Amino acid sequence: PYCKEKVDLKRLFPNPWEKPHVLYGNLLDWIRYLVAWQPLILMVVQGVNYVLGLE
């Protein structure tokens, strides 16, 4: 999945019960990105709050 080759998931996983691990992998990727970007997101939010004078 990390190379540029196109993969037909319907042919690779013909049954619906074989796909949850793909969805779980995508969920873990999103969590990993959120954890990695969390400090920057918090600094941006605090900066906006400071500029707008919000408490």
PDB file of N, CA and C in Angstrom:
ATOM      1  N   PRO A   1       0.797  -1.214   0.000  1.00  0.00           N
ATOM      2  CA  PRO A   1       0.000   0.000   0.000  1.00  0.00           C
ATOM      3  C   PRO A   1       0.838   1.276   0.000  1.00  0.00           C
ATOM      4  N   TYR A   2       2.135   1.191   0.272  1.00  0.00           N
ATOM      5  CA  TYR A   2       2.951   2.396   0.304  1.00  0.00           C
ATOM      6  C   TYR A   2       3.654   2.668  -1.017  1.00  0.00           C
ATOM      7  N   CYS A   3       3.558   1.750  -1.981  1.00  0.00           N
ATOM      8  CA  CYS A   3       4.164   1.994  -3.282  1.00  0.00           C
ATOM      9  C   CYS A   3       3.139   2.662  -4.197  1.00  0.00           C
ATOM     10  N   LYS A   4       3.546   3.005  -5.397  1.00  0.00           N
ATOM     11  CA  LYS A   4       2.675   3.728  -6.328  1.00  0.00           C
ATOM     12  C   LYS A   4       1.777   2.795  -7.139  1.00  0.00           C
ATOM     13  N   GLU A   5       1.856   1.500  -6.889  1.00  0.00           N
ATOM     14  CA  GLU A   5       1.058   0.539  -7.643  1.00  0.00           C
ATOM     15  C   GLU A   5      -0.405   0.613  -7.214  1.00  0.00           C
ATOM     16  N   LYS A   6      -1.290   0.639  -8.199  1.00  0.00           N
ATOM     17  CA  LYS A   6      -2.727   0.653  -7.917  1.00  0.00           C
ATOM     18  C   LYS A   6      -3.158  -0.742  -7.473  1.00  0.00           C
ATOM     19  N   VAL A   7      -3.993  -0.797  -6.443  1.00  0.00           N
ATOM     20  CA  VAL A   7      -4.459  -2.072  -5.900  1.00  0.00           C
ATOM     21  C   VAL A   7      -5.976  -2.078  -5.930  1.00  0.00           C
ATOM     22  N   ASP A   8      -6.547  -3.138  -6.473  1.00  0.00           N
ATOM     23  CA  ASP A   8      -7.998  -3.302  -6.495  1.00  0.00           C
ATOM     24  C   ASP A   8      -8.398  -4.028  -5.215  1.00  0.00           C
ATOM     25  N   LEU A   9      -8.942  -3.273  -4.242  1.00  0.00           N
ATOM     26  CA  LEU A   9      -9.281  -3.870  -2.951  1.00  0.00           C
ATOM     27  C   LEU A   9     -10.443  -4.842  -3.060  1.00  0.00           C
ATOM     28  N   LYS A  10     -11.336  -4.639  -4.021  1.00  0.00           N
ATOM     29  CA  LYS A  10     -12.455  -5.574  -4.178  1.00  0.00           C
ATOM     30  C   LYS A  10     -11.962  -6.937  -4.631  1.00  0.00           C
ATOM     31  N   ARG A  11     -10.922  -6.961  -5.453  1.00  0.00           N
ATOM     32  CA  ARG A  11     -10.367  -8.241  -5.884  1.00  0.00           C
ATOM     33  C   ARG A  11      -9.476  -8.847  -4.798  1.00  0.00           C
ATOM     34  N   LEU A  12      -8.784  -7.980  -4.068  1.00  0.00           N
ATOM     35  CA  LEU A  12      -7.887  -8.459  -3.017  1.00  0.00           C
ATOM     36  C   LEU A  12      -8.666  -8.988  -1.819  1.00  0.00           C
ATOM     37  N   PHE A  13      -9.756  -8.285  -1.454  1.00  0.00           N
ATOM     38  CA  PHE A  13     -10.606  -8.696  -0.337  1.00  0.00           C
ATOM     39  C   PHE A  13     -12.038  -8.838  -0.838  1.00  0.00           C
ATOM     40  N   PRO A  14     -12.407  -9.990  -1.376  1.00  0.00           N
ATOM     41  CA  PRO A  14     -13.755 -10.136  -1.949  1.00  0.00           C
ATOM     42  C   PRO A  14     -14.860 -10.157  -0.894  1.00  0.00           C
ATOM     43  N   ASN A  15     -14.558 -10.572   0.316  1.00  0.00           N
ATOM     44  CA  ASN A  15     -15.580 -10.682   1.355  1.00  0.00           C
ATOM     45  C   ASN A  15     -15.539  -9.460   2.268  1.00  0.00           C
ATOM     46  N   PRO A  16     -16.709  -8.971   2.700  1.00  0.00           N
ATOM     47  CA  PRO A  16     -16.724  -7.762   3.543  1.00  0.00           C
ATOM     48  C   PRO A  16     -16.045  -7.947   4.893  1.00  0.00           C
ATOM     49  N   TRP A  17     -16.015  -9.160   5.425  1.00  0.00           N
ATOM     50  CA  TRP A  17     -15.428  -9.361   6.755  1.00  0.00           C
ATOM     51  C   TRP A  17     -13.904  -9.388   6.708  1.00  0.00           C
ATOM     52  N   GLU A  18     -13.316  -9.295   5.526  1.00  0.00           N
ATOM     53  CA  GLU A  18     -11.862  -9.255   5.412  1.00  0.00           C
ATOM     54  C   GLU A  18     -11.321  -7.825   5.393  1.00  0.00           C
ATOM     55  N   LYS A  19     -12.194  -6.820   5.362  1.00  0.00           N
ATOM     56  CA  LYS A  19     -11.762  -5.429   5.240  1.00  0.00           C
ATOM     57  C   LYS A  19     -11.539  -4.685   6.554  1.00  0.00           C
ATOM     58  N   PRO A  20     -12.005  -5.141   7.714  1.00  0.00           N
ATOM     59  CA  PRO A  20     -11.840  -4.318   8.924  1.00  0.00           C
ATOM     60  C   PRO A  20     -10.395  -3.974   9.250  1.00  0.00           C
ATOM     61  N   HIS A  21      -9.448  -4.856   8.941  1.00  0.00           N
ATOM     62  CA  HIS A  21      -8.070  -4.518   9.279  1.00  0.00           C
ATOM     63  C   HIS A  21      -7.548  -3.372   8.415  1.00  0.00           C
ATOM     64  N   VAL A  22      -8.093  -3.199   7.217  1.00  0.00           N
ATOM     65  CA  VAL A  22      -7.721  -2.052   6.388  1.00  0.00           C
ATOM     66  C   VAL A  22      -8.258  -0.773   7.023  1.00  0.00           C
ATOM     67  N   LEU A  23      -9.504  -0.796   7.479  1.00  0.00           N
ATOM     68  CA  LEU A  23     -10.090   0.373   8.133  1.00  0.00           C
ATOM     69  C   LEU A  23      -9.363   0.686   9.439  1.00  0.00           C
ATOM     70  N   TYR A  24      -8.981  -0.349  10.176  1.00  0.00           N
ATOM     71  CA  TYR A  24      -8.247  -0.147  11.423  1.00  0.00           C
ATOM     72  C   TYR A  24      -6.880   0.478  11.140  1.00  0.00           C
ATOM     73  N   GLY A  25      -6.242   0.053  10.067  1.00  0.00           N
ATOM     74  CA  GLY A  25      -4.961   0.644   9.682  1.00  0.00           C
ATOM     75  C   GLY A  25      -5.100   2.113   9.342  1.00  0.00           C
ATOM     76  N   ASN A  26      -6.171   2.471   8.628  1.00  0.00           N
ATOM     77  CA  ASN A  26      -6.417   3.880   8.313  1.00  0.00           C
ATOM     78  C   ASN A  26      -6.689   4.685   9.577  1.00  0.00           C
ATOM     79  N   LEU A  27      -7.430   4.111  10.519  1.00  0.00           N
ATOM     80  CA  LEU A  27      -7.696   4.790  11.789  1.00  0.00           C
ATOM     81  C   LEU A  27      -6.394   5.042  12.551  1.00  0.00           C
ATOM     82  N   LEU A  28      -5.518   4.047  12.581  1.00  0.00           N
ATOM     83  CA  LEU A  28      -4.239   4.225  13.269  1.00  0.00           C
ATOM     84  C   LEU A  28      -3.390   5.295  12.588  1.00  0.00           C
ATOM     85  N   ASP A  29      -3.449   5.380  11.258  1.00  0.00           N
ATOM     86  CA  ASP A  29      -2.720   6.434  10.553  1.00  0.00           C
ATOM     87  C   ASP A  29      -3.222   7.813  10.960  1.00  0.00           C
ATOM     88  N   TRP A  30      -4.550   7.989  11.030  1.00  0.00           N
ATOM     89  CA  TRP A  30      -5.111   9.283  11.430  1.00  0.00           C
ATOM     90  C   TRP A  30      -4.712   9.631  12.850  1.00  0.00           C
ATOM     91  N   ILE A  31      -4.745   8.659  13.764  1.00  0.00           N
ATOM     92  CA  ILE A  31      -4.353   8.917  15.155  1.00  0.00           C
ATOM     93  C   ILE A  31      -2.882   9.304  15.224  1.00  0.00           C
ATOM     94  N   ARG A  32      -2.054   8.635  14.430  1.00  0.00           N
ATOM     95  CA  ARG A  32      -0.625   8.940  14.413  1.00  0.00           C
ATOM     96  C   ARG A  32      -0.384  10.371  13.932  1.00  0.00           C
ATOM     97  N   TYR A  33      -1.085  10.784  12.885  1.00  0.00           N
ATOM     98  CA  TYR A  33      -0.923  12.151  12.388  1.00  0.00           C
ATOM     99  C   TYR A  33      -1.418  13.173  13.405  1.00  0.00           C
ATOM    100  N   LEU A  34      -2.538  12.896  14.064  1.00  0.00           N
ATOM    101  CA  LEU A  34      -3.051  13.836  15.060  1.00  0.00           C
ATOM    102  C   LEU A  34      -2.088  13.985  16.232  1.00  0.00           C
ATOM    103  N   VAL A  35      -1.498  12.887  16.681  1.00  0.00           N
ATOM    104  CA  VAL A  35      -0.545  12.956  17.793  1.00  0.00           C
ATOM    105  C   VAL A  35       0.705  13.719  17.366  1.00  0.00           C
ATOM    106  N   ALA A  36       1.138  13.515  16.128  1.00  0.00           N
ATOM    107  CA  ALA A  36       2.344  14.187  15.653  1.00  0.00           C
ATOM    108  C   ALA A  36       2.123  15.689  15.489  1.00  0.00           C
ATOM    109  N   TRP A  37       0.925  16.100  15.045  1.00  0.00           N
ATOM    110  CA  TRP A  37       0.652  17.508  14.779  1.00  0.00           C
ATOM    111  C   TRP A  37      -0.012  18.223  15.950  1.00  0.00           C
ATOM    112  N   GLN A  38      -0.304  17.530  17.035  1.00  0.00           N
ATOM    113  CA  GLN A  38      -1.016  18.138  18.156  1.00  0.00           C
ATOM    114  C   GLN A  38      -0.306  19.368  18.732  1.00  0.00           C
ATOM    115  N   PRO A  39       1.004  19.346  18.967  1.00  0.00           N
ATOM    116  CA  PRO A  39       1.641  20.551  19.529  1.00  0.00           C
ATOM    117  C   PRO A  39       1.482  21.773  18.623  1.00  0.00           C
ATOM    118  N   LEU A  40       1.620  21.602  17.323  1.00  0.00           N
ATOM    119  CA  LEU A  40       1.463  22.726  16.403  1.00  0.00           C
ATOM    120  C   LEU A  40       0.026  23.236  16.395  1.00  0.00           C
ATOM    121  N   ILE A  41      -0.939  22.328  16.413  1.00  0.00           N
ATOM    122  CA  ILE A  41      -2.345  22.723  16.434  1.00  0.00           C
ATOM    123  C   ILE A  41      -2.647  23.514  17.706  1.00  0.00           C
ATOM    124  N   LEU A  42      -2.148  23.047  18.845  1.00  0.00           N
ATOM    125  CA  LEU A  42      -2.388  23.758  20.108  1.00  0.00           C
ATOM    126  C   LEU A  42      -1.749  25.139  20.110  1.00  0.00           C
ATOM    127  N   MET A  43      -0.536  25.262  19.551  1.00  0.00           N
ATOM    128  CA  MET A  43       0.108  26.573  19.494  1.00  0.00           C
ATOM    129  C   MET A  43      -0.674  27.529  18.596  1.00  0.00           C
ATOM    130  N   VAL A  44      -1.195  27.050  17.486  1.00  0.00           N
ATOM    131  CA  VAL A  44      -1.984  27.905  16.595  1.00  0.00           C
ATOM    132  C   VAL A  44      -3.256  28.364  17.295  1.00  0.00           C
ATOM    133  N   VAL A  45      -3.936  27.453  17.982  1.00  0.00           N
ATOM    134  CA  VAL A  45      -5.172  27.812  18.681  1.00  0.00           C
ATOM    135  C   VAL A  45      -4.881  28.821  19.788  1.00  0.00           C
ATOM    136  N   GLN A  46      -3.815  28.615  20.550  1.00  0.00           N
ATOM    137  CA  GLN A  46      -3.469  29.564  21.605  1.00  0.00           C
ATOM    138  C   GLN A  46      -3.083  30.920  21.024  1.00  0.00           C
ATOM    139  N   GLY A  47      -2.392  30.919  19.876  1.00  0.00           N
ATOM    140  CA  GLY A  47      -2.035  32.179  19.224  1.00  0.00           C
ATOM    141  C   GLY A  47      -3.265  32.938  18.760  1.00  0.00           C
ATOM    142  N   VAL A  48      -4.232  32.235  18.191  1.00  0.00           N
ATOM    143  CA  VAL A  48      -5.477  32.880  17.757  1.00  0.00           C
ATOM    144  C   VAL A  48      -6.220  33.437  18.963  1.00  0.00           C
ATOM    145  N   ASN A  49      -6.283  32.677  20.041  1.00  0.00           N
ATOM    146  CA  ASN A  49      -6.941  33.161  21.260  1.00  0.00           C
ATOM    147  C   ASN A  49      -6.243  34.404  21.807  1.00  0.00           C
ATOM    148  N   TYR A  50      -4.913  34.427  21.763  1.00  0.00           N
ATOM    149  CA  TYR A  50      -4.161  35.577  22.266  1.00  0.00           C
ATOM    150  C   TYR A  50      -4.408  36.810  21.397  1.00  0.00           C
ATOM    151  N   VAL A  51      -4.395  36.620  20.075  1.00  0.00           N
ATOM    152  CA  VAL A  51      -4.591  37.746  19.158  1.00  0.00           C
ATOM    153  C   VAL A  51      -5.999  38.312  19.288  1.00  0.00           C
ATOM    154  N   LEU A  52      -6.983  37.446  19.452  1.00  0.00           N
ATOM    155  CA  LEU A  52      -8.369  37.896  19.564  1.00  0.00           C
ATOM    156  C   LEU A  52      -8.722  38.365  20.974  1.00  0.00           C
ATOM    157  N   GLY A  53      -7.827  38.163  21.937  1.00  0.00           N
ATOM    158  CA  GLY A  53      -8.076  38.600  23.306  1.00  0.00           C
ATOM    159  C   GLY A  53      -9.064  37.719  24.043  1.00  0.00           C
ATOM    160  N   LEU A  54      -9.165  36.472  23.648  1.00  0.00           N
ATOM    161  CA  LEU A  54     -10.093  35.551  24.315  1.00  0.00           C
ATOM    162  C   LEU A  54      -9.411  34.911  25.512  1.00  0.00           C
ATOM    163  N   GLU A  55     -10.187  34.544  26.480  1.00  0.00           N
ATOM    164  CA  GLU A  55      -9.645  33.881  27.678  1.00  0.00           C
ATOM    165  C   GLU A  55      -9.779  32.390  27.550  1.00  0.00           C
TER     166      GLU A  55
END
